[in-house]
Amino acid sequence: MVDLQDRYANPTLDDIGEYIGNPLFPQFCSALKEKYGGREKIDFSACSMERGWNVKFKKSGKSLCTIYPRASFFTAMVVVGRKEKDAVEAIFPEFSLALQDRKSVV
């Protein structure tokens, strides 16, 4: 299995999926590709808080989300653009409290 902390490992999407070991990961990636036309780019982050390989999905040069792999699950940081902001804020109260607590506005 690939070491996601090794900057020279150059994992594939399949390697990352194997590391995560959760069937939702390939489904999520497929949905990003099929529904939104996203393309993945696997990058190594040297950031001390999220050091390691991650997967970024972009469309037409704009970020859709970044996936941070974990053993048996993954975290997805979803980018909400100006056009989508009002719609997301309208449904935000319906999100779980745990998700609401992780809201980050830049």
C-alpha atoms as a PDB file:
ATOM      1  CA  MET A   1       0.000   0.000   0.000  1.00  0.00           C
ATOM      2  CA  VAL A   2       1.217   3.488  -0.823  1.00  0.00           C
ATOM      3  CA  ASP A   3       2.521   5.811   1.906  1.00  0.00           C
ATOM      4  CA  LEU A   4       0.537   9.040   1.570  1.00  0.00           C
ATOM      5  CA  GLN A   5       3.109  10.917   3.652  1.00  0.00           C
ATOM      6  CA  ASP A   6       5.929  10.085   1.215  1.00  0.00           C
ATOM      7  CA  ARG A   7       6.266  12.998  -1.216  1.00  0.00           C
ATOM      8  CA  TYR A   8       7.989  10.699  -3.738  1.00  0.00           C
ATOM      9  CA  ALA A   9       5.267   8.017  -3.739  1.00  0.00           C
ATOM     10  CA  ASN A  10       3.186   9.552  -6.616  1.00  0.00           C
ATOM     11  CA  PRO A  11      -0.016   7.614  -5.891  1.00  0.00           C
ATOM     12  CA  THR A  12      -2.783   7.063  -8.403  1.00  0.00           C
ATOM     13  CA  LEU A  13      -6.464   7.653  -7.694  1.00  0.00           C
ATOM     14  CA  ASP A  14      -6.810   3.876  -7.306  1.00  0.00           C
ATOM     15  CA  ASP A  15      -3.941   3.835  -4.762  1.00  0.00           C
ATOM     16  CA  ILE A  16      -5.680   6.533  -2.734  1.00  0.00           C
ATOM     17  CA  GLY A  17      -8.991   4.665  -2.990  1.00  0.00           C
ATOM     18  CA  GLU A  18      -7.303   1.496  -1.748  1.00  0.00           C
ATOM     19  CA  TYR A  19      -5.807   3.418   1.185  1.00  0.00           C
ATOM     20  CA  ILE A  20      -9.193   4.924   2.105  1.00  0.00           C
ATOM     21  CA  GLY A  21     -10.951   1.592   1.737  1.00  0.00           C
ATOM     22  CA  ASN A  22     -14.433   3.102   1.620  1.00  0.00           C
ATOM     23  CA  PRO A  23     -16.794   2.462  -1.331  1.00  0.00           C
ATOM     24  CA  LEU A  24     -18.072   6.052  -1.134  1.00  0.00           C
ATOM     25  CA  PHE A  25     -14.728   7.398  -2.354  1.00  0.00           C
ATOM     26  CA  PRO A  26     -14.900   6.036  -5.934  1.00  0.00           C
ATOM     27  CA  GLN A  27     -18.607   6.928  -6.075  1.00  0.00           C
ATOM     28  CA  PHE A  28     -17.859  10.504  -4.996  1.00  0.00           C
ATOM     29  CA  CYS A  29     -15.037  10.822  -7.547  1.00  0.00           C
ATOM     30  CA  SER A  30     -17.222   9.402 -10.322  1.00  0.00           C
ATOM     31  CA  ALA A  31     -20.017  11.847  -9.489  1.00  0.00           C
ATOM     32  CA  LEU A  32     -17.585  14.788  -9.617  1.00  0.00           C
ATOM     33  CA  LYS A  33     -16.384  13.636 -13.029  1.00  0.00           C
ATOM     34  CA  GLU A  34     -19.751  12.738 -14.545  1.00  0.00           C
ATOM     35  CA  LYS A  35     -22.077  15.345 -13.062  1.00  0.00           C
ATOM     36  CA  TYR A  36     -19.720  18.313 -12.891  1.00  0.00           C
ATOM     37  CA  GLY A  37     -17.079  17.479 -15.496  1.00  0.00           C
ATOM     38  CA  GLY A  38     -14.341  17.698 -12.864  1.00  0.00           C
ATOM     39  CA  ARG A  39     -10.831  16.471 -13.439  1.00  0.00           C
ATOM     40  CA  GLU A  40      -8.698  15.194 -10.626  1.00  0.00           C
ATOM     41  CA  LYS A  41      -5.172  16.281  -9.845  1.00  0.00           C
ATOM     42  CA  ILE A  42      -3.227  14.452  -7.189  1.00  0.00           C
ATOM     43  CA  ASP A  43      -0.974  16.827  -5.249  1.00  0.00           C
ATOM     44  CA  PHE A  44       1.380  16.592  -2.332  1.00  0.00           C
ATOM     45  CA  SER A  45       0.768  19.197   0.338  1.00  0.00           C
ATOM     46  CA  ALA A  46       3.651  20.188   2.586  1.00  0.00           C
ATOM     47  CA  CYS A  47       1.275  22.127   4.858  1.00  0.00           C
ATOM     48  CA  SER A  48       1.927  21.097   8.445  1.00  0.00           C
ATOM     49  CA  MET A  49      -1.797  20.680   9.234  1.00  0.00           C
ATOM     50  CA  GLU A  50      -2.655  18.487   6.207  1.00  0.00           C
ATOM     51  CA  ARG A  51       0.703  17.121   5.093  1.00  0.00           C
ATOM     52  CA  GLY A  52       0.474  14.378   2.490  1.00  0.00           C
ATOM     53  CA  TRP A  53      -1.158  13.491  -0.805  1.00  0.00           C
ATOM     54  CA  ASN A  54      -4.618  14.845  -1.582  1.00  0.00           C
ATOM     55  CA  VAL A  55      -6.931  14.937  -4.577  1.00  0.00           C
ATOM     56  CA  LYS A  56      -8.117  18.213  -6.071  1.00  0.00           C
ATOM     57  CA  PHE A  57     -11.014  18.332  -8.506  1.00  0.00           C
ATOM     58  CA  LYS A  58     -11.210  21.268 -10.885  1.00  0.00           C
ATOM     59  CA  LYS A  59     -13.324  22.299 -13.834  1.00  0.00           C
ATOM     60  CA  SER A  60     -12.175  24.956 -16.293  1.00  0.00           C
ATOM     61  CA  GLY A  61      -9.379  25.954 -13.916  1.00  0.00           C
ATOM     62  CA  LYS A  62     -11.766  26.508 -10.990  1.00  0.00           C
ATOM     63  CA  SER A  63     -11.604  24.418  -7.828  1.00  0.00           C
ATOM     64  CA  LEU A  64     -14.573  22.198  -7.028  1.00  0.00           C
ATOM     65  CA  CYS A  65     -13.193  20.434  -3.972  1.00  0.00           C
ATOM     66  CA  THR A  66     -10.136  18.962  -2.290  1.00  0.00           C
ATOM     67  CA  ILE A  67     -10.237  15.470  -0.837  1.00  0.00           C
ATOM     68  CA  TYR A  68      -8.070  14.602   2.167  1.00  0.00           C
ATOM     69  CA  PRO A  69      -7.662  10.808   2.462  1.00  0.00           C
ATOM     70  CA  ARG A  70      -7.904   9.024   5.805  1.00  0.00           C
ATOM     71  CA  ALA A  71      -7.930   5.344   6.681  1.00  0.00           C
ATOM     72  CA  SER A  72     -11.549   4.199   6.096  1.00  0.00           C
ATOM     73  CA  PHE A  73     -12.913   7.698   5.333  1.00  0.00           C
ATOM     74  CA  PHE A  74     -12.085  10.970   3.607  1.00  0.00           C
ATOM     75  CA  THR A  75     -12.713  14.634   4.202  1.00  0.00           C
ATOM     76  CA  ALA A  76     -13.892  16.806   1.314  1.00  0.00           C
ATOM     77  CA  MET A  77     -13.425  20.546   1.385  1.00  0.00           C
ATOM     78  CA  VAL A  78     -16.037  21.836  -1.041  1.00  0.00           C
ATOM     79  CA  VAL A  79     -15.549  25.214  -2.664  1.00  0.00           C
ATOM     80  CA  VAL A  80     -18.698  27.328  -2.810  1.00  0.00           C
ATOM     81  CA  GLY A  81     -18.467  30.082  -5.401  1.00  0.00           C
ATOM     82  CA  ARG A  82     -20.198  33.439  -5.447  1.00  0.00           C
ATOM     83  CA  LYS A  83     -22.989  32.110  -7.658  1.00  0.00           C
ATOM     84  CA  GLU A  84     -23.732  29.218  -5.304  1.00  0.00           C
ATOM     85  CA  LYS A  85     -23.253  31.070  -2.018  1.00  0.00           C
ATOM     86  CA  ASP A  86     -26.870  32.191  -1.511  1.00  0.00           C
ATOM     87  CA  ALA A  87     -28.271  28.752  -2.346  1.00  0.00           C
ATOM     88  CA  VAL A  88     -25.879  27.019   0.065  1.00  0.00           C
ATOM     89  CA  GLU A  89     -26.582  29.502   2.830  1.00  0.00           C
ATOM     90  CA  ALA A  90     -30.330  28.918   2.347  1.00  0.00           C
ATOM     91  CA  ILE A  91     -29.982  25.173   3.022  1.00  0.00           C
ATOM     92  CA  PHE A  92     -27.209  25.510   5.619  1.00  0.00           C
ATOM     93  CA  PRO A  93     -29.605  25.199   8.611  1.00  0.00           C
ATOM     94  CA  GLU A  94     -30.575  21.735   7.316  1.00  0.00           C
ATOM     95  CA  PHE A  95     -26.983  20.475   7.664  1.00  0.00           C
ATOM     96  CA  SER A  96     -25.948  18.513  10.734  1.00  0.00           C
ATOM     97  CA  LEU A  97     -24.561  20.523  13.637  1.00  0.00           C
ATOM     98  CA  ALA A  98     -21.204  18.819  13.144  1.00  0.00           C
ATOM     99  CA  LEU A  99     -21.035  20.097   9.572  1.00  0.00           C
ATOM    100  CA  GLN A 100     -22.221  23.557  10.560  1.00  0.00           C
ATOM    101  CA  ASP A 101     -19.433  23.747  13.148  1.00  0.00           C
ATOM    102  CA  ARG A 102     -16.868  23.150  10.397  1.00  0.00           C
ATOM    103  CA  LYS A 103     -18.067  26.033   8.264  1.00  0.00           C
ATOM    104  CA  SER A 104     -15.210  28.174   7.090  1.00  0.00           C
ATOM    105  CA  VAL A 105     -15.706  31.429   5.254  1.00  0.00           C
ATOM    106  CA  VAL A 106     -12.749  32.889   3.432  1.00  0.00           C
END
